[in-house]
N, C-alpha and C. Protein backbone atom coordinates (compact mmCIF):
# COMPACT_ATOMS: atom_id res chain seq x y z
N MET A 1 -7.63 34.08 -11.52
CA MET A 1 -9.05 34.27 -11.78
C MET A 1 -9.64 32.99 -12.36
N LYS A 2 -10.69 32.49 -11.75
CA LYS A 2 -11.34 31.28 -12.24
C LYS A 2 -12.43 31.67 -13.23
N HIS A 3 -12.57 30.83 -14.25
CA HIS A 3 -13.59 31.05 -15.27
C HIS A 3 -14.84 30.27 -14.92
N LEU A 4 -15.97 30.77 -15.41
CA LEU A 4 -17.24 30.07 -15.22
C LEU A 4 -17.55 29.27 -16.48
N TYR A 5 -17.83 27.98 -16.28
CA TYR A 5 -18.28 27.12 -17.36
C TYR A 5 -19.80 27.03 -17.28
N THR A 6 -20.50 27.44 -18.33
CA THR A 6 -21.96 27.38 -18.35
C THR A 6 -22.37 25.97 -18.73
N ALA A 7 -22.83 25.22 -17.74
CA ALA A 7 -23.26 23.84 -17.97
C ALA A 7 -24.66 23.80 -18.54
N TYR A 8 -25.49 24.74 -18.16
CA TYR A 8 -26.87 24.78 -18.66
C TYR A 8 -27.37 26.21 -18.62
N GLU A 9 -28.10 26.59 -19.65
CA GLU A 9 -28.78 27.89 -19.66
C GLU A 9 -30.13 27.71 -20.32
N PHE A 10 -31.15 28.30 -19.72
CA PHE A 10 -32.51 28.22 -20.25
C PHE A 10 -32.52 28.80 -21.65
N ASP A 11 -32.95 28.01 -22.59
CA ASP A 11 -33.04 28.44 -23.98
C ASP A 11 -34.51 28.38 -24.36
N SER A 12 -35.11 29.55 -24.54
CA SER A 12 -36.55 29.57 -24.75
C SER A 12 -36.97 28.84 -26.01
N PHE A 13 -36.15 28.86 -27.07
CA PHE A 13 -36.53 28.17 -28.30
C PHE A 13 -36.50 26.66 -28.11
N ALA A 14 -35.42 26.15 -27.51
CA ALA A 14 -35.32 24.70 -27.28
C ALA A 14 -36.41 24.23 -26.32
N GLU A 15 -36.68 25.02 -25.29
CA GLU A 15 -37.74 24.66 -24.35
C GLU A 15 -39.10 24.69 -25.05
N ALA A 16 -39.31 25.65 -25.93
CA ALA A 16 -40.59 25.74 -26.64
C ALA A 16 -40.80 24.51 -27.50
N ILE A 17 -39.76 24.10 -28.19
CA ILE A 17 -39.87 22.92 -29.05
C ILE A 17 -40.24 21.70 -28.21
N SER A 18 -39.53 21.48 -27.11
CA SER A 18 -39.79 20.28 -26.30
C SER A 18 -41.15 20.34 -25.60
N ASN A 19 -41.64 21.52 -25.28
CA ASN A 19 -42.93 21.63 -24.60
C ASN A 19 -44.12 21.61 -25.55
N PHE A 20 -43.94 22.04 -26.78
CA PHE A 20 -45.08 22.13 -27.69
C PHE A 20 -45.17 20.97 -28.68
N ILE A 21 -44.21 20.06 -28.68
CA ILE A 21 -44.31 18.89 -29.56
C ILE A 21 -45.53 18.04 -29.23
N PRO A 22 -45.83 17.74 -27.95
CA PRO A 22 -47.05 16.96 -27.68
C PRO A 22 -48.32 17.66 -28.16
N ILE A 23 -48.38 18.97 -28.05
CA ILE A 23 -49.55 19.72 -28.51
C ILE A 23 -49.64 19.63 -30.03
N LEU A 24 -48.52 19.76 -30.71
CA LEU A 24 -48.50 19.66 -32.16
C LEU A 24 -48.96 18.28 -32.62
N ILE A 25 -48.51 17.24 -31.95
CA ILE A 25 -48.92 15.87 -32.30
C ILE A 25 -50.43 15.71 -32.14
N LEU A 26 -50.99 16.24 -31.07
CA LEU A 26 -52.43 16.12 -30.86
C LEU A 26 -53.23 16.91 -31.92
N VAL A 27 -52.73 18.07 -32.29
CA VAL A 27 -53.42 18.85 -33.33
C VAL A 27 -53.36 18.11 -34.67
N LEU A 28 -52.20 17.54 -34.98
CA LEU A 28 -52.09 16.76 -36.21
C LEU A 28 -53.01 15.54 -36.19
N LEU A 29 -53.14 14.92 -35.03
CA LEU A 29 -54.06 13.79 -34.89
C LEU A 29 -55.49 14.23 -35.20
N GLY A 30 -55.88 15.39 -34.69
CA GLY A 30 -57.20 15.93 -34.98
C GLY A 30 -57.39 16.24 -36.45
N LEU A 31 -56.34 16.78 -37.10
CA LEU A 31 -56.43 17.07 -38.53
C LEU A 31 -56.54 15.79 -39.36
N VAL A 32 -55.82 14.75 -38.96
CA VAL A 32 -55.94 13.46 -39.65
C VAL A 32 -57.36 12.93 -39.49
N GLY A 33 -57.91 13.03 -38.28
CA GLY A 33 -59.29 12.61 -38.05
C GLY A 33 -60.27 13.39 -38.91
N LEU A 34 -60.05 14.70 -39.02
CA LEU A 34 -60.92 15.53 -39.86
C LEU A 34 -60.82 15.11 -41.33
N GLY A 35 -59.59 14.83 -41.78
CA GLY A 35 -59.40 14.37 -43.15
C GLY A 35 -60.11 13.04 -43.40
N ILE A 36 -60.00 12.11 -42.47
CA ILE A 36 -60.68 10.82 -42.61
C ILE A 36 -62.19 11.03 -42.66
N TYR A 37 -62.68 11.87 -41.78
CA TYR A 37 -64.12 12.12 -41.72
C TYR A 37 -64.62 12.73 -43.03
N LEU A 38 -63.93 13.77 -43.51
CA LEU A 38 -64.37 14.44 -44.74
C LEU A 38 -64.24 13.52 -45.96
N TYR A 39 -63.19 12.72 -46.00
CA TYR A 39 -63.04 11.79 -47.11
C TYR A 39 -64.15 10.74 -47.09
N SER A 40 -64.45 10.23 -45.91
CA SER A 40 -65.46 9.17 -45.83
C SER A 40 -66.86 9.69 -46.11
N LYS A 41 -67.10 11.00 -45.90
CA LYS A 41 -68.43 11.56 -46.22
C LYS A 41 -68.69 11.54 -47.72
N GLN A 42 -67.65 11.74 -48.51
CA GLN A 42 -67.85 11.75 -49.96
C GLN A 42 -67.65 10.37 -50.57
N TYR A 43 -67.19 9.45 -49.77
CA TYR A 43 -66.95 8.08 -50.24
C TYR A 43 -68.29 7.37 -50.41
N ILE A 44 -68.45 6.70 -51.52
CA ILE A 44 -69.70 5.96 -51.78
C ILE A 44 -69.40 4.49 -51.59
N ASP A 45 -70.18 3.86 -50.74
CA ASP A 45 -69.99 2.43 -50.49
C ASP A 45 -70.37 1.61 -51.71
N PRO A 46 -69.48 0.74 -52.12
CA PRO A 46 -69.88 -0.19 -53.17
C PRO A 46 -70.86 -1.20 -52.59
N ASP A 47 -71.74 -1.66 -53.37
CA ASP A 47 -72.75 -2.61 -52.90
C ASP A 47 -72.20 -4.03 -53.01
N ILE A 48 -71.20 -4.30 -52.16
CA ILE A 48 -70.56 -5.62 -52.18
C ILE A 48 -70.99 -6.37 -50.93
N PRO A 49 -71.49 -7.57 -51.07
CA PRO A 49 -71.88 -8.34 -49.89
C PRO A 49 -70.64 -8.65 -49.04
N GLY A 50 -70.82 -8.62 -47.77
CA GLY A 50 -69.72 -8.93 -46.86
C GLY A 50 -69.00 -7.71 -46.33
N LEU A 51 -69.23 -6.52 -46.91
CA LEU A 51 -68.61 -5.30 -46.40
C LEU A 51 -69.31 -4.81 -45.15
N ASP A 52 -70.53 -5.22 -44.96
CA ASP A 52 -71.26 -4.86 -43.75
C ASP A 52 -70.67 -5.63 -42.57
N LEU A 53 -70.30 -4.92 -41.54
CA LEU A 53 -69.80 -5.55 -40.33
C LEU A 53 -70.70 -5.11 -39.19
N GLU A 54 -71.47 -6.02 -38.69
CA GLU A 54 -72.40 -5.75 -37.59
C GLU A 54 -73.34 -4.61 -37.95
N GLY A 55 -73.78 -4.54 -39.18
CA GLY A 55 -74.74 -3.52 -39.58
C GLY A 55 -74.14 -2.19 -39.93
N TYR A 56 -72.81 -2.04 -39.84
CA TYR A 56 -72.17 -0.77 -40.18
C TYR A 56 -71.45 -0.91 -41.51
N THR A 57 -71.63 0.06 -42.35
CA THR A 57 -70.93 0.04 -43.63
C THR A 57 -69.51 0.55 -43.43
N TYR A 58 -68.70 0.35 -44.46
CA TYR A 58 -67.32 0.81 -44.43
C TYR A 58 -67.27 2.33 -44.24
N GLN A 59 -68.18 3.03 -44.89
CA GLN A 59 -68.24 4.49 -44.78
C GLN A 59 -68.55 4.91 -43.35
N THR A 60 -69.48 4.25 -42.71
CA THR A 60 -69.85 4.59 -41.33
C THR A 60 -68.69 4.35 -40.39
N ARG A 61 -67.97 3.24 -40.59
CA ARG A 61 -66.82 2.94 -39.72
C ARG A 61 -65.73 3.99 -39.91
N GLN A 62 -65.49 4.42 -41.14
CA GLN A 62 -64.49 5.45 -41.38
C GLN A 62 -64.90 6.78 -40.74
N MET A 63 -66.15 7.15 -40.88
CA MET A 63 -66.63 8.40 -40.29
C MET A 63 -66.48 8.35 -38.77
N ARG A 64 -66.81 7.23 -38.17
CA ARG A 64 -66.68 7.09 -36.71
C ARG A 64 -65.22 7.16 -36.27
N ALA A 65 -64.32 6.57 -37.06
CA ALA A 65 -62.89 6.65 -36.73
C ALA A 65 -62.42 8.10 -36.78
N GLY A 66 -62.85 8.84 -37.79
CA GLY A 66 -62.48 10.25 -37.89
C GLY A 66 -63.02 11.06 -36.73
N ILE A 67 -64.27 10.83 -36.38
CA ILE A 67 -64.88 11.54 -35.24
C ILE A 67 -64.15 11.19 -33.95
N PHE A 68 -63.76 9.93 -33.79
CA PHE A 68 -63.04 9.50 -32.59
C PHE A 68 -61.70 10.24 -32.48
N LEU A 69 -60.94 10.32 -33.58
CA LEU A 69 -59.66 11.03 -33.55
C LEU A 69 -59.84 12.52 -33.25
N ILE A 70 -60.86 13.12 -33.83
CA ILE A 70 -61.14 14.54 -33.56
C ILE A 70 -61.49 14.73 -32.09
N ALA A 71 -62.32 13.85 -31.54
CA ALA A 71 -62.73 13.96 -30.13
C ALA A 71 -61.53 13.81 -29.19
N ILE A 72 -60.69 12.82 -29.45
CA ILE A 72 -59.50 12.62 -28.61
C ILE A 72 -58.63 13.87 -28.65
N SER A 73 -58.40 14.40 -29.83
CA SER A 73 -57.58 15.60 -29.98
C SER A 73 -58.18 16.78 -29.23
N CYS A 74 -59.49 16.99 -29.37
CA CYS A 74 -60.14 18.13 -28.73
C CYS A 74 -60.19 17.99 -27.21
N LEU A 75 -60.30 16.78 -26.71
CA LEU A 75 -60.39 16.59 -25.26
C LEU A 75 -59.03 16.62 -24.58
N VAL A 76 -57.98 16.12 -25.22
CA VAL A 76 -56.68 16.00 -24.57
C VAL A 76 -55.81 17.25 -24.75
N THR A 77 -55.92 17.93 -25.88
CA THR A 77 -55.07 19.08 -26.17
C THR A 77 -55.13 20.16 -25.08
N PRO A 78 -56.29 20.56 -24.58
CA PRO A 78 -56.29 21.59 -23.52
C PRO A 78 -55.53 21.16 -22.26
N PHE A 79 -55.65 19.90 -21.88
CA PHE A 79 -54.93 19.43 -20.69
C PHE A 79 -53.42 19.47 -20.92
N VAL A 80 -52.98 19.07 -22.09
CA VAL A 80 -51.55 19.10 -22.40
C VAL A 80 -51.08 20.54 -22.46
N PHE A 81 -51.86 21.42 -23.07
CA PHE A 81 -51.47 22.83 -23.16
C PHE A 81 -51.32 23.44 -21.76
N PHE A 82 -52.31 23.21 -20.90
CA PHE A 82 -52.23 23.80 -19.56
C PHE A 82 -51.15 23.14 -18.72
N GLY A 83 -50.78 21.92 -19.03
CA GLY A 83 -49.71 21.24 -18.30
C GLY A 83 -48.33 21.71 -18.72
N PHE A 84 -48.09 21.75 -20.04
CA PHE A 84 -46.76 22.09 -20.54
C PHE A 84 -46.65 23.54 -20.98
N GLY A 85 -47.60 24.00 -21.74
CA GLY A 85 -47.51 25.31 -22.37
C GLY A 85 -47.49 26.46 -21.39
N LEU A 86 -48.37 26.43 -20.41
CA LEU A 86 -48.42 27.55 -19.46
C LEU A 86 -47.17 27.61 -18.59
N ASP A 87 -46.62 26.46 -18.22
CA ASP A 87 -45.38 26.44 -17.44
C ASP A 87 -44.24 27.05 -18.23
N TYR A 88 -44.16 26.71 -19.50
CA TYR A 88 -43.13 27.28 -20.36
C TYR A 88 -43.29 28.79 -20.48
N MET A 89 -44.53 29.26 -20.72
CA MET A 89 -44.76 30.70 -20.88
C MET A 89 -44.46 31.45 -19.58
N ARG A 90 -44.84 30.87 -18.45
CA ARG A 90 -44.56 31.49 -17.15
C ARG A 90 -43.05 31.61 -16.94
N THR A 91 -42.32 30.55 -17.24
CA THR A 91 -40.87 30.54 -17.07
C THR A 91 -40.22 31.57 -17.99
N THR A 92 -40.68 31.66 -19.21
CA THR A 92 -40.11 32.60 -20.17
C THR A 92 -40.32 34.05 -19.72
N VAL A 93 -41.51 34.36 -19.22
CA VAL A 93 -41.80 35.72 -18.76
C VAL A 93 -40.92 36.07 -17.55
N LEU A 94 -40.82 35.16 -16.60
CA LEU A 94 -39.99 35.42 -15.42
C LEU A 94 -38.52 35.57 -15.81
N TYR A 95 -38.07 34.76 -16.75
CA TYR A 95 -36.68 34.82 -17.19
C TYR A 95 -36.37 36.14 -17.89
N ARG A 96 -37.27 36.56 -18.78
CA ARG A 96 -37.06 37.82 -19.50
C ARG A 96 -37.12 39.03 -18.58
N ASN A 97 -37.97 38.97 -17.55
CA ASN A 97 -38.09 40.07 -16.60
C ASN A 97 -37.04 40.01 -15.50
N ARG A 98 -36.17 39.02 -15.60
CA ARG A 98 -35.10 38.80 -14.61
C ARG A 98 -35.66 38.67 -13.19
N ASN A 99 -36.80 38.00 -13.08
CA ASN A 99 -37.46 37.79 -11.80
C ASN A 99 -37.12 36.40 -11.27
N PHE A 100 -35.84 36.21 -10.92
CA PHE A 100 -35.38 34.92 -10.42
C PHE A 100 -34.31 35.15 -9.37
N ASN A 101 -34.01 34.11 -8.62
CA ASN A 101 -32.99 34.19 -7.58
C ASN A 101 -31.66 33.67 -8.11
N ILE A 102 -30.58 34.16 -7.51
CA ILE A 102 -29.23 33.73 -7.88
C ILE A 102 -28.52 33.32 -6.60
N ILE A 103 -27.85 32.18 -6.66
CA ILE A 103 -27.08 31.72 -5.51
C ILE A 103 -25.73 31.22 -6.00
N GLU A 104 -24.71 31.44 -5.18
CA GLU A 104 -23.37 30.95 -5.51
C GLU A 104 -22.78 30.33 -4.25
N GLY A 105 -22.16 29.20 -4.43
CA GLY A 105 -21.54 28.54 -3.29
C GLY A 105 -21.07 27.14 -3.64
N LYS A 106 -20.64 26.42 -2.61
CA LYS A 106 -20.16 25.06 -2.80
C LYS A 106 -21.32 24.09 -2.92
N ILE A 107 -21.19 23.16 -3.85
CA ILE A 107 -22.17 22.10 -3.99
C ILE A 107 -21.97 21.12 -2.84
N GLN A 108 -23.06 20.83 -2.14
CA GLN A 108 -23.00 19.94 -0.98
C GLN A 108 -24.05 18.85 -1.11
N LEU A 109 -23.82 17.76 -0.45
CA LEU A 109 -24.78 16.65 -0.36
C LEU A 109 -25.23 16.16 -1.75
N LEU A 110 -24.31 16.08 -2.67
CA LEU A 110 -24.62 15.65 -4.03
C LEU A 110 -24.84 14.14 -4.05
N ARG A 111 -26.00 13.73 -4.56
CA ARG A 111 -26.30 12.29 -4.64
C ARG A 111 -27.36 12.03 -5.70
N ASP A 112 -27.39 10.78 -6.16
CA ASP A 112 -28.43 10.34 -7.08
C ASP A 112 -29.53 9.68 -6.27
N SER A 113 -30.74 9.78 -6.75
CA SER A 113 -31.88 9.22 -6.04
C SER A 113 -32.97 8.87 -7.04
N LEU A 114 -34.02 8.21 -6.55
CA LEU A 114 -35.20 7.90 -7.34
C LEU A 114 -36.40 8.52 -6.66
N ASP A 115 -37.32 9.08 -7.47
CA ASP A 115 -38.56 9.59 -6.88
C ASP A 115 -39.61 8.48 -6.87
N ARG A 116 -40.81 8.80 -6.45
CA ARG A 116 -41.88 7.79 -6.32
C ARG A 116 -42.23 7.13 -7.63
N GLU A 117 -42.11 7.87 -8.74
CA GLU A 117 -42.44 7.31 -10.05
C GLU A 117 -41.28 6.55 -10.68
N GLY A 118 -40.12 6.52 -10.02
CA GLY A 118 -38.96 5.81 -10.55
C GLY A 118 -38.06 6.66 -11.43
N ASN A 119 -38.26 7.98 -11.45
CA ASN A 119 -37.40 8.87 -12.22
C ASN A 119 -36.09 9.09 -11.48
N VAL A 120 -35.00 9.12 -12.24
CA VAL A 120 -33.68 9.36 -11.66
C VAL A 120 -33.54 10.85 -11.36
N LEU A 121 -33.09 11.15 -10.15
CA LEU A 121 -32.90 12.54 -9.72
C LEU A 121 -31.46 12.76 -9.28
N VAL A 122 -30.97 13.97 -9.49
CA VAL A 122 -29.71 14.41 -8.90
C VAL A 122 -30.10 15.42 -7.83
N LEU A 123 -29.75 15.12 -6.59
CA LEU A 123 -30.09 16.00 -5.47
C LEU A 123 -28.81 16.66 -4.97
N PHE A 124 -28.89 17.94 -4.64
CA PHE A 124 -27.75 18.65 -4.07
C PHE A 124 -28.26 19.91 -3.40
N SER A 125 -27.38 20.55 -2.66
CA SER A 125 -27.74 21.82 -2.04
C SER A 125 -26.55 22.77 -2.13
N ILE A 126 -26.87 24.04 -2.09
CA ILE A 126 -25.88 25.10 -2.00
C ILE A 126 -26.33 25.96 -0.84
N ASP A 127 -25.48 26.09 0.16
CA ASP A 127 -25.83 26.72 1.43
C ASP A 127 -27.06 26.00 1.99
N THR A 128 -28.17 26.66 2.13
CA THR A 128 -29.37 26.00 2.65
C THR A 128 -30.42 25.76 1.58
N VAL A 129 -30.11 26.09 0.34
CA VAL A 129 -31.06 25.94 -0.76
C VAL A 129 -30.87 24.56 -1.39
N ARG A 130 -31.95 23.77 -1.39
CA ARG A 130 -31.89 22.41 -1.94
C ARG A 130 -32.44 22.39 -3.36
N PHE A 131 -31.80 21.58 -4.22
CA PHE A 131 -32.19 21.45 -5.61
C PHE A 131 -32.35 19.99 -5.97
N GLU A 132 -33.19 19.73 -6.94
CA GLU A 132 -33.25 18.40 -7.55
C GLU A 132 -33.41 18.59 -9.05
N ILE A 133 -32.71 17.76 -9.79
CA ILE A 133 -32.78 17.80 -11.24
C ILE A 133 -33.20 16.41 -11.71
N ALA A 134 -34.31 16.32 -12.41
CA ALA A 134 -34.81 15.04 -12.90
C ALA A 134 -34.13 14.70 -14.23
N HIS A 135 -34.12 13.41 -14.57
CA HIS A 135 -33.44 12.95 -15.78
C HIS A 135 -34.05 13.53 -17.06
N TYR A 136 -35.29 13.98 -17.01
CA TYR A 136 -35.92 14.54 -18.21
C TYR A 136 -35.71 16.05 -18.32
N ASP A 137 -35.10 16.68 -17.33
CA ASP A 137 -34.79 18.11 -17.40
C ASP A 137 -33.60 18.33 -18.33
N GLN A 138 -33.57 19.49 -18.97
CA GLN A 138 -32.47 19.81 -19.89
C GLN A 138 -31.13 19.88 -19.14
N ALA A 139 -31.13 20.35 -17.90
CA ALA A 139 -29.89 20.51 -17.15
C ALA A 139 -29.27 19.18 -16.74
N TYR A 140 -30.06 18.12 -16.71
CA TYR A 140 -29.56 16.82 -16.24
C TYR A 140 -28.41 16.30 -17.10
N LYS A 141 -28.47 16.54 -18.39
CA LYS A 141 -27.44 16.05 -19.29
C LYS A 141 -26.06 16.55 -18.89
N GLU A 142 -26.01 17.75 -18.36
CA GLU A 142 -24.71 18.33 -17.98
C GLU A 142 -24.26 17.91 -16.59
N VAL A 143 -25.18 17.73 -15.67
CA VAL A 143 -24.76 17.43 -14.30
C VAL A 143 -24.49 15.95 -14.07
N ARG A 144 -24.93 15.08 -14.99
CA ARG A 144 -24.68 13.65 -14.78
C ARG A 144 -23.20 13.33 -14.96
N ASP A 145 -22.49 14.17 -15.73
CA ASP A 145 -21.05 14.00 -15.88
C ASP A 145 -20.38 14.64 -14.68
N ARG A 146 -19.86 13.85 -13.79
CA ARG A 146 -19.35 14.35 -12.51
C ARG A 146 -17.91 14.85 -12.57
N LYS A 147 -17.36 15.05 -13.76
CA LYS A 147 -16.01 15.58 -13.84
C LYS A 147 -15.97 17.03 -13.36
N LEU A 148 -16.99 17.80 -13.75
CA LEU A 148 -17.06 19.19 -13.33
C LEU A 148 -18.04 19.39 -12.18
N PHE A 149 -19.15 18.69 -12.22
CA PHE A 149 -20.22 18.87 -11.24
C PHE A 149 -20.07 17.81 -10.15
N ARG A 150 -19.47 18.20 -9.03
CA ARG A 150 -19.24 17.25 -7.93
C ARG A 150 -19.27 18.00 -6.60
N ASP A 151 -19.28 17.25 -5.52
CA ASP A 151 -19.24 17.87 -4.19
C ASP A 151 -18.05 18.81 -4.10
N SER A 152 -18.26 19.93 -3.47
CA SER A 152 -17.28 20.98 -3.21
C SER A 152 -16.93 21.81 -4.45
N SER A 153 -17.54 21.54 -5.61
CA SER A 153 -17.37 22.45 -6.75
C SER A 153 -18.12 23.74 -6.44
N ILE A 154 -17.62 24.82 -6.94
CA ILE A 154 -18.30 26.11 -6.76
C ILE A 154 -19.26 26.30 -7.93
N ALA A 155 -20.53 26.51 -7.62
CA ALA A 155 -21.54 26.69 -8.65
C ALA A 155 -22.23 28.03 -8.49
N HIS A 156 -22.68 28.55 -9.60
CA HIS A 156 -23.43 29.79 -9.67
C HIS A 156 -24.74 29.43 -10.37
N ILE A 157 -25.87 29.51 -9.63
CA ILE A 157 -27.14 29.04 -10.15
C ILE A 157 -28.18 30.16 -10.14
N SER A 158 -28.85 30.34 -11.27
CA SER A 158 -30.02 31.22 -11.36
C SER A 158 -31.23 30.30 -11.40
N TYR A 159 -32.22 30.54 -10.55
CA TYR A 159 -33.36 29.63 -10.45
C TYR A 159 -34.63 30.39 -10.09
N LEU A 160 -35.76 29.74 -10.40
CA LEU A 160 -37.05 30.29 -10.01
C LEU A 160 -37.36 29.82 -8.60
N PRO A 161 -37.79 30.72 -7.74
CA PRO A 161 -38.06 30.32 -6.36
C PRO A 161 -39.23 29.34 -6.28
N SER A 162 -39.13 28.41 -5.34
CA SER A 162 -40.17 27.42 -5.09
C SER A 162 -39.99 26.90 -3.68
N GLU A 163 -41.09 26.53 -3.05
CA GLU A 163 -41.03 25.99 -1.70
C GLU A 163 -40.44 24.58 -1.69
N GLU A 164 -40.57 23.88 -2.80
CA GLU A 164 -40.11 22.50 -2.87
C GLU A 164 -38.69 22.43 -3.43
N ASP A 165 -38.13 21.21 -3.45
CA ASP A 165 -36.76 21.03 -3.93
C ASP A 165 -36.64 21.13 -5.44
N ASP A 166 -37.74 20.98 -6.16
CA ASP A 166 -37.66 20.96 -7.62
C ASP A 166 -37.73 22.36 -8.21
N LYS A 167 -36.81 23.21 -7.78
CA LYS A 167 -36.75 24.57 -8.30
C LYS A 167 -36.33 24.53 -9.76
N ARG A 168 -36.87 25.45 -10.55
CA ARG A 168 -36.57 25.49 -11.99
C ARG A 168 -35.25 26.19 -12.18
N ILE A 169 -34.21 25.44 -12.60
CA ILE A 169 -32.90 26.03 -12.81
C ILE A 169 -32.89 26.68 -14.19
N LEU A 170 -32.53 27.97 -14.21
CA LEU A 170 -32.47 28.72 -15.46
C LEU A 170 -31.05 28.79 -16.01
N LYS A 171 -30.09 28.84 -15.12
CA LYS A 171 -28.69 28.88 -15.55
C LYS A 171 -27.84 28.22 -14.49
N LEU A 172 -26.96 27.35 -14.93
CA LEU A 172 -26.06 26.61 -14.04
C LEU A 172 -24.63 26.80 -14.55
N GLU A 173 -23.84 27.48 -13.73
CA GLU A 173 -22.45 27.72 -14.09
C GLU A 173 -21.56 27.11 -13.01
N ILE A 174 -20.43 26.56 -13.45
CA ILE A 174 -19.48 25.95 -12.53
C ILE A 174 -18.14 26.64 -12.69
N LYS A 175 -17.54 26.98 -11.57
CA LYS A 175 -16.23 27.63 -11.61
C LYS A 175 -15.16 26.59 -11.88
N LEU A 176 -14.31 26.89 -12.85
CA LEU A 176 -13.21 25.97 -13.21
C LEU A 176 -11.98 26.26 -12.40
């Protein structure tokens, strides 16, 4: 009897951390901007010659910097949320509802490649189902070590269906 080695499994907590860190950074940026703005509103400019720069006082420049940080945070955060956050939530719901496909078979056509943006990819197929794993995916760390993951290894993969090769792998097991 051969044992299955779990090379990768979708971990909702680890995925949440990696997907929501950019959102957290943007929110903190907005809070720093708010702090700068509120501090500069109560700040009283000393009447020192030379503090005026192009007609703007130190207080005005600080307030504008705070408003700029708040604006950047408010404008970029929704795009980041809809890019990362919704994909994570969709994956988590499908994973919990067990709404994914499972395939088992020999790994074939295993090779490394580069995509248009220069990202390193691991491409392979099992039967007629093609997969690609990018270097920034959590599963890549396990498949780059070719001691276990190689052509003709037997793999058991749970994945989200997709028309393209970049199917979301939820669980990757290799028979020892």
